[in-house]
Amino acid sequence: MCDYSLAEIRNRLALEGEELATHRFRTHTVGLISPCDLACGESSVTAVCIPPGANLVLTGIPAYLQVRWGVKEEEPVVFTQTSMEVNRHRDAVQFSNGSTFLLQELPEGLRVTVRSLGSDPAPLHGTAVPAEQESLL
Protein backbone atom coordinates (compact mmCIF):
# COMPACT_ATOMS: atom_id res chain seq x y z
CA MET A 1 0.00 0.00 0.00
CA CYS A 2 2.49 2.64 1.16
CA ASP A 3 6.17 1.93 1.79
CA TYR A 4 7.21 1.70 5.44
CA SER A 5 9.07 5.01 5.25
CA LEU A 6 5.82 6.86 4.56
CA ALA A 7 4.16 5.60 7.76
CA GLU A 8 4.71 8.91 9.55
CA ILE A 9 3.18 10.93 6.71
CA ARG A 10 -0.55 11.51 6.42
CA ASN A 11 -1.88 9.09 3.80
CA ARG A 12 -5.03 7.89 2.09
CA LEU A 13 -6.13 5.26 -0.43
CA ALA A 14 -6.13 6.15 -4.12
CA LEU A 15 -9.38 6.52 -6.06
CA GLU A 16 -10.10 4.89 -9.41
CA GLY A 17 -9.61 7.38 -12.23
CA GLU A 18 -7.45 9.64 -10.08
CA GLU A 19 -4.45 11.47 -11.53
CA LEU A 20 -1.35 11.30 -9.32
CA ALA A 21 2.34 12.15 -9.54
CA THR A 22 5.54 10.69 -8.12
CA HIS A 23 7.01 12.79 -5.33
CA ARG A 24 10.07 12.62 -3.08
CA PHE A 25 8.89 13.12 0.50
CA ARG A 26 10.89 14.66 3.35
CA THR A 27 11.76 11.07 4.35
CA HIS A 28 13.60 10.82 0.97
CA THR A 29 11.14 8.13 -0.12
CA VAL A 30 9.44 8.33 -3.51
CA GLY A 31 5.69 7.89 -3.28
CA LEU A 32 2.53 9.16 -4.92
CA ILE A 33 0.63 12.39 -4.31
CA SER A 34 -2.23 14.33 -5.80
CA PRO A 35 -0.67 17.13 -7.90
CA CYS A 36 -3.02 19.70 -6.31
CA ASP A 37 -1.37 18.93 -2.93
CA LEU A 38 1.88 20.46 -4.19
CA ALA A 39 0.24 23.87 -4.44
CA CYS A 40 -0.39 23.74 -0.67
CA GLY A 41 3.25 23.10 0.25
CA GLU A 42 5.18 20.12 1.63
CA SER A 43 3.61 20.32 5.11
CA SER A 44 0.14 19.52 3.75
CA VAL A 45 1.13 16.82 1.23
CA THR A 46 -0.72 13.51 1.66
CA ALA A 47 0.82 10.23 0.48
CA VAL A 48 -1.58 8.31 -1.76
CA CYS A 49 -1.44 4.55 -1.21
CA ILE A 50 -2.07 1.99 -3.95
CA PRO A 51 -3.09 -1.63 -3.26
CA PRO A 52 -1.10 -4.44 -4.89
CA GLY A 53 -2.70 -5.51 -8.17
CA ALA A 54 -3.97 -2.03 -9.06
CA ASN A 55 -3.79 -1.13 -12.75
CA LEU A 56 -2.04 2.16 -13.46
CA VAL A 57 -0.78 4.12 -16.46
CA LEU A 58 2.57 5.92 -16.21
CA THR A 59 2.91 8.98 -18.45
CA GLY A 60 5.92 11.17 -19.07
CA ILE A 61 8.57 8.48 -18.81
CA PRO A 62 11.82 10.26 -19.76
CA ALA A 63 13.62 9.15 -22.95
CA TYR A 64 16.67 7.83 -21.06
CA LEU A 65 14.43 5.50 -19.00
CA GLN A 66 12.43 4.46 -22.08
CA VAL A 67 15.67 3.19 -23.60
CA ARG A 68 16.99 1.62 -20.37
CA TRP A 69 13.69 -0.09 -19.50
CA GLY A 70 12.50 -0.90 -23.05
CA VAL A 71 9.22 1.03 -22.67
CA LYS A 72 7.39 3.94 -24.31
CA GLU A 73 6.61 7.41 -22.96
CA GLU A 74 3.26 6.11 -21.69
CA GLU A 75 2.89 2.58 -20.34
CA PRO A 76 0.28 0.54 -18.47
CA VAL A 77 1.68 -1.05 -15.30
CA VAL A 78 0.51 -3.18 -12.40
CA PHE A 79 1.32 -1.97 -8.89
CA THR A 80 3.08 -4.67 -6.89
CA GLN A 81 5.14 -5.25 -3.79
CA THR A 82 8.51 -6.95 -4.10
CA SER A 83 8.94 -8.08 -0.50
CA MET A 84 7.23 -8.29 2.88
CA GLU A 85 10.45 -7.56 4.78
CA VAL A 86 10.29 -4.73 7.31
CA ASN A 87 12.33 -1.56 6.81
CA ARG A 88 12.77 -2.25 3.11
CA HIS A 89 11.33 -0.40 0.12
CA ARG A 90 8.90 -2.76 -1.58
CA ASP A 91 6.36 -0.70 -3.58
CA ALA A 92 6.97 -1.25 -7.30
CA VAL A 93 5.42 -1.19 -10.75
CA GLN A 94 5.54 -4.03 -13.26
CA PHE A 95 5.56 -3.25 -16.98
CA SER A 96 3.96 -5.46 -19.64
CA ASN A 97 7.48 -6.54 -20.73
CA GLY A 98 7.90 -8.16 -17.30
CA SER A 99 10.31 -5.56 -15.89
CA THR A 100 9.65 -4.51 -12.31
CA PHE A 101 11.00 -1.30 -10.78
CA LEU A 102 10.68 0.11 -7.28
CA LEU A 103 8.92 3.45 -6.93
CA GLN A 104 12.30 4.62 -5.60
CA GLU A 105 13.65 4.23 -9.15
CA LEU A 106 10.97 6.44 -10.72
CA PRO A 107 11.75 10.09 -11.38
CA GLU A 108 9.91 12.75 -9.43
CA GLY A 109 6.99 14.31 -11.30
CA LEU A 110 6.03 11.25 -13.35
CA ARG A 111 2.27 11.25 -13.97
CA VAL A 112 0.25 8.24 -12.80
CA THR A 113 -3.38 7.47 -13.66
CA VAL A 114 -5.25 4.94 -11.54
CA ARG A 115 -7.21 2.74 -13.98
CA SER A 116 -8.49 0.34 -11.34
CA LEU A 117 -7.66 -0.64 -7.79
CA GLY A 118 -7.40 -4.28 -8.75
CA SER A 119 -11.05 -5.27 -9.09
CA ASP A 120 -11.11 -4.87 -12.88
CA PRO A 121 -11.46 -8.35 -14.44
CA ALA A 122 -10.31 -7.07 -17.85
CA PRO A 123 -6.68 -7.94 -18.67
CA LEU A 124 -4.26 -5.02 -18.45
CA HIS A 125 -1.70 -5.98 -21.05
CA GLY A 126 -3.82 -7.41 -23.84
CA THR A 127 -3.59 -11.02 -22.70
CA ALA A 128 -6.45 -13.38 -23.37
CA VAL A 129 -9.16 -13.78 -20.77
CA PRO A 130 -9.38 -17.40 -19.54
CA ALA A 131 -12.58 -19.11 -20.78
CA GLU A 132 -13.86 -19.60 -17.20
CA GLN A 133 -13.62 -15.84 -16.59
CA GLU A 134 -15.05 -14.81 -19.97
CA SER A 135 -18.60 -15.48 -18.80
CA LEU A 136 -18.05 -13.05 -15.94
CA LEU A 137 -17.29 -10.14 -18.31
C-alpha atoms as a PDB file:
ATOM      1  CA  MET A   1       0.000   0.000   0.000  1.00  0.00           C
ATOM      2  CA  CYS A   2       2.490   2.636   1.156  1.00  0.00           C
ATOM      3  CA  ASP A   3       6.167   1.933   1.789  1.00  0.00           C
ATOM      4  CA  TYR A   4       7.212   1.703   5.439  1.00  0.00           C
ATOM      5  CA  SER A   5       9.074   5.009   5.248  1.00  0.00           C
ATOM      6  CA  LEU A   6       5.823   6.864   4.558  1.00  0.00           C
ATOM      7  CA  ALA A   7       4.164   5.601   7.760  1.00  0.00           C
ATOM      8  CA  GLU A   8       4.713   8.907   9.551  1.00  0.00           C
ATOM      9  CA  ILE A   9       3.182  10.932   6.708  1.00  0.00           C
ATOM     10  CA  ARG A  10      -0.550  11.515   6.423  1.00  0.00           C
ATOM     11  CA  ASN A  11      -1.879   9.092   3.805  1.00  0.00           C
ATOM     12  CA  ARG A  12      -5.034   7.889   2.087  1.00  0.00           C
ATOM     13  CA  LEU A  13      -6.131   5.257  -0.425  1.00  0.00           C
ATOM     14  CA  ALA A  14      -6.129   6.153  -4.123  1.00  0.00           C
ATOM     15  CA  LEU A  15      -9.377   6.524  -6.057  1.00  0.00           C
ATOM     16  CA  GLU A  16     -10.103   4.894  -9.412  1.00  0.00           C
ATOM     17  CA  GLY A  17      -9.614   7.379 -12.235  1.00  0.00           C
ATOM     18  CA  GLU A  18      -7.450   9.639 -10.075  1.00  0.00           C
ATOM     19  CA  GLU A  19      -4.448  11.475 -11.526  1.00  0.00           C
ATOM     20  CA  LEU A  20      -1.347  11.300  -9.320  1.00  0.00           C
ATOM     21  CA  ALA A  21       2.344  12.152  -9.544  1.00  0.00           C
ATOM     22  CA  THR A  22       5.538  10.689  -8.122  1.00  0.00           C
ATOM     23  CA  HIS A  23       7.012  12.790  -5.329  1.00  0.00           C
ATOM     24  CA  ARG A  24      10.071  12.622  -3.077  1.00  0.00           C
ATOM     25  CA  PHE A  25       8.886  13.121   0.498  1.00  0.00           C
ATOM     26  CA  ARG A  26      10.889  14.658   3.348  1.00  0.00           C
ATOM     27  CA  THR A  27      11.756  11.069   4.350  1.00  0.00           C
ATOM     28  CA  HIS A  28      13.599  10.825   0.974  1.00  0.00           C
ATOM     29  CA  THR A  29      11.140   8.132  -0.116  1.00  0.00           C
ATOM     30  CA  VAL A  30       9.442   8.328  -3.507  1.00  0.00           C
ATOM     31  CA  GLY A  31       5.693   7.894  -3.280  1.00  0.00           C
ATOM     32  CA  LEU A  32       2.531   9.163  -4.919  1.00  0.00           C
ATOM     33  CA  ILE A  33       0.629  12.387  -4.313  1.00  0.00           C
ATOM     34  CA  SER A  34      -2.229  14.330  -5.798  1.00  0.00           C
ATOM     35  CA  PRO A  35      -0.673  17.132  -7.899  1.00  0.00           C
ATOM     36  CA  CYS A  36      -3.017  19.696  -6.312  1.00  0.00           C
ATOM     37  CA  ASP A  37      -1.371  18.932  -2.933  1.00  0.00           C
ATOM     38  CA  LEU A  38       1.880  20.456  -4.188  1.00  0.00           C
ATOM     39  CA  ALA A  39       0.242  23.867  -4.436  1.00  0.00           C
ATOM     40  CA  CYS A  40      -0.393  23.744  -0.672  1.00  0.00           C
ATOM     41  CA  GLY A  41       3.248  23.105   0.250  1.00  0.00           C
ATOM     42  CA  GLU A  42       5.182  20.119   1.632  1.00  0.00           C
ATOM     43  CA  SER A  43       3.614  20.317   5.111  1.00  0.00           C
ATOM     44  CA  SER A  44       0.142  19.520   3.747  1.00  0.00           C
ATOM     45  CA  VAL A  45       1.128  16.818   1.233  1.00  0.00           C
ATOM     46  CA  THR A  46      -0.717  13.509   1.659  1.00  0.00           C
ATOM     47  CA  ALA A  47       0.820  10.231   0.476  1.00  0.00           C
ATOM     48  CA  VAL A  48      -1.581   8.306  -1.764  1.00  0.00           C
ATOM     49  CA  CYS A  49      -1.445   4.550  -1.215  1.00  0.00           C
ATOM     50  CA  ILE A  50      -2.069   1.988  -3.953  1.00  0.00           C
ATOM     51  CA  PRO A  51      -3.092  -1.626  -3.264  1.00  0.00           C
ATOM     52  CA  PRO A  52      -1.095  -4.437  -4.892  1.00  0.00           C
ATOM     53  CA  GLY A  53      -2.704  -5.511  -8.170  1.00  0.00           C
ATOM     54  CA  ALA A  54      -3.966  -2.033  -9.064  1.00  0.00           C
ATOM     55  CA  ASN A  55      -3.786  -1.132 -12.754  1.00  0.00           C
ATOM     56  CA  LEU A  56      -2.040   2.163 -13.461  1.00  0.00           C
ATOM     57  CA  VAL A  57      -0.781   4.118 -16.459  1.00  0.00           C
ATOM     58  CA  LEU A  58       2.571   5.920 -16.211  1.00  0.00           C
ATOM     59  CA  THR A  59       2.909   8.979 -18.446  1.00  0.00           C
ATOM     60  CA  GLY A  60       5.915  11.170 -19.074  1.00  0.00           C
ATOM     61  CA  ILE A  61       8.569   8.479 -18.812  1.00  0.00           C
ATOM     62  CA  PRO A  62      11.820  10.259 -19.763  1.00  0.00           C
ATOM     63  CA  ALA A  63      13.621   9.146 -22.951  1.00  0.00           C
ATOM     64  CA  TYR A  64      16.665   7.830 -21.058  1.00  0.00           C
ATOM     65  CA  LEU A  65      14.425   5.502 -19.004  1.00  0.00           C
ATOM     66  CA  GLN A  66      12.431   4.462 -22.081  1.00  0.00           C
ATOM     67  CA  VAL A  67      15.672   3.185 -23.604  1.00  0.00           C
ATOM     68  CA  ARG A  68      16.992   1.621 -20.370  1.00  0.00           C
ATOM     69  CA  TRP A  69      13.693  -0.091 -19.497  1.00  0.00           C
ATOM     70  CA  GLY A  70      12.499  -0.899 -23.047  1.00  0.00           C
ATOM     71  CA  VAL A  71       9.224   1.028 -22.674  1.00  0.00           C
ATOM     72  CA  LYS A  72       7.387   3.938 -24.309  1.00  0.00           C
ATOM     73  CA  GLU A  73       6.615   7.411 -22.964  1.00  0.00           C
ATOM     74  CA  GLU A  74       3.261   6.111 -21.693  1.00  0.00           C
ATOM     75  CA  GLU A  75       2.894   2.582 -20.339  1.00  0.00           C
ATOM     76  CA  PRO A  76       0.283   0.536 -18.470  1.00  0.00           C
ATOM     77  CA  VAL A  77       1.678  -1.054 -15.299  1.00  0.00           C
ATOM     78  CA  VAL A  78       0.506  -3.175 -12.396  1.00  0.00           C
ATOM     79  CA  PHE A  79       1.317  -1.974  -8.893  1.00  0.00           C
ATOM     80  CA  THR A  80       3.081  -4.674  -6.895  1.00  0.00           C
ATOM     81  CA  GLN A  81       5.145  -5.246  -3.788  1.00  0.00           C
ATOM     82  CA  THR A  82       8.512  -6.954  -4.100  1.00  0.00           C
ATOM     83  CA  SER A  83       8.940  -8.075  -0.496  1.00  0.00           C
ATOM     84  CA  MET A  84       7.234  -8.294   2.878  1.00  0.00           C
ATOM     85  CA  GLU A  85      10.446  -7.558   4.785  1.00  0.00           C
ATOM     86  CA  VAL A  86      10.293  -4.726   7.306  1.00  0.00           C
ATOM     87  CA  ASN A  87      12.331  -1.563   6.807  1.00  0.00           C
ATOM     88  CA  ARG A  88      12.768  -2.255   3.109  1.00  0.00           C
ATOM     89  CA  HIS A  89      11.332  -0.399   0.119  1.00  0.00           C
ATOM     90  CA  ARG A  90       8.901  -2.756  -1.578  1.00  0.00           C
ATOM     91  CA  ASP A  91       6.364  -0.704  -3.576  1.00  0.00           C
ATOM     92  CA  ALA A  92       6.968  -1.246  -7.295  1.00  0.00           C
ATOM     93  CA  VAL A  93       5.418  -1.194 -10.753  1.00  0.00           C
ATOM     94  CA  GLN A  94       5.539  -4.035 -13.263  1.00  0.00           C
ATOM     95  CA  PHE A  95       5.555  -3.253 -16.983  1.00  0.00           C
ATOM     96  CA  SER A  96       3.956  -5.459 -19.644  1.00  0.00           C
ATOM     97  CA  ASN A  97       7.477  -6.541 -20.733  1.00  0.00           C
ATOM     98  CA  GLY A  98       7.899  -8.165 -17.298  1.00  0.00           C
ATOM     99  CA  SER A  99      10.307  -5.565 -15.890  1.00  0.00           C
ATOM    100  CA  THR A 100       9.650  -4.508 -12.308  1.00  0.00           C
ATOM    101  CA  PHE A 101      10.998  -1.297 -10.776  1.00  0.00           C
ATOM    102  CA  LEU A 102      10.683   0.109  -7.283  1.00  0.00           C
ATOM    103  CA  LEU A 103       8.924   3.447  -6.931  1.00  0.00           C
ATOM    104  CA  GLN A 104      12.297   4.618  -5.599  1.00  0.00           C
ATOM    105  CA  GLU A 105      13.651   4.230  -9.149  1.00  0.00           C
ATOM    106  CA  LEU A 106      10.970   6.439 -10.724  1.00  0.00           C
ATOM    107  CA  PRO A 107      11.749  10.091 -11.378  1.00  0.00           C
ATOM    108  CA  GLU A 108       9.907  12.754  -9.427  1.00  0.00           C
ATOM    109  CA  GLY A 109       6.986  14.313 -11.299  1.00  0.00           C
ATOM    110  CA  LEU A 110       6.034  11.246 -13.353  1.00  0.00           C
ATOM    111  CA  ARG A 111       2.268  11.246 -13.967  1.00  0.00           C
ATOM    112  CA  VAL A 112       0.253   8.236 -12.802  1.00  0.00           C
ATOM    113  CA  THR A 113      -3.384   7.474 -13.663  1.00  0.00           C
ATOM    114  CA  VAL A 114      -5.251   4.942 -11.538  1.00  0.00           C
ATOM    115  CA  ARG A 115      -7.211   2.738 -13.981  1.00  0.00           C
ATOM    116  CA  SER A 116      -8.491   0.343 -11.342  1.00  0.00           C
ATOM    117  CA  LEU A 117      -7.665  -0.636  -7.787  1.00  0.00           C
ATOM    118  CA  GLY A 118      -7.401  -4.284  -8.754  1.00  0.00           C
ATOM    119  CA  SER A 119     -11.049  -5.271  -9.085  1.00  0.00           C
ATOM    120  CA  ASP A 120     -11.112  -4.872 -12.879  1.00  0.00           C
ATOM    121  CA  PRO A 121     -11.457  -8.347 -14.435  1.00  0.00           C
ATOM    122  CA  ALA A 122     -10.309  -7.071 -17.847  1.00  0.00           C
ATOM    123  CA  PRO A 123      -6.683  -7.936 -18.670  1.00  0.00           C
ATOM    124  CA  LEU A 124      -4.264  -5.020 -18.449  1.00  0.00           C
ATOM    125  CA  HIS A 125      -1.696  -5.983 -21.048  1.00  0.00           C
ATOM    126  CA  GLY A 126      -3.822  -7.411 -23.843  1.00  0.00           C
ATOM    127  CA  THR A 127      -3.587 -11.018 -22.703  1.00  0.00           C
ATOM    128  CA  ALA A 128      -6.454 -13.378 -23.371  1.00  0.00           C
ATOM    129  CA  VAL A 129      -9.161 -13.784 -20.767  1.00  0.00           C
ATOM    130  CA  PRO A 130      -9.376 -17.396 -19.538  1.00  0.00           C
ATOM    131  CA  ALA A 131     -12.582 -19.107 -20.776  1.00  0.00           C
ATOM    132  CA  GLU A 132     -13.856 -19.601 -17.200  1.00  0.00           C
ATOM    133  CA  GLN A 133     -13.623 -15.841 -16.593  1.00  0.00           C
ATOM    134  CA  GLU A 134     -15.053 -14.813 -19.974  1.00  0.00           C
ATOM    135  CA  SER A 135     -18.605 -15.484 -18.800  1.00  0.00           C
ATOM    136  CA  LEU A 136     -18.055 -13.046 -15.943  1.00  0.00           C
ATOM    137  CA  LEU A 137     -17.289 -10.143 -18.306  1.00  0.00           C
END
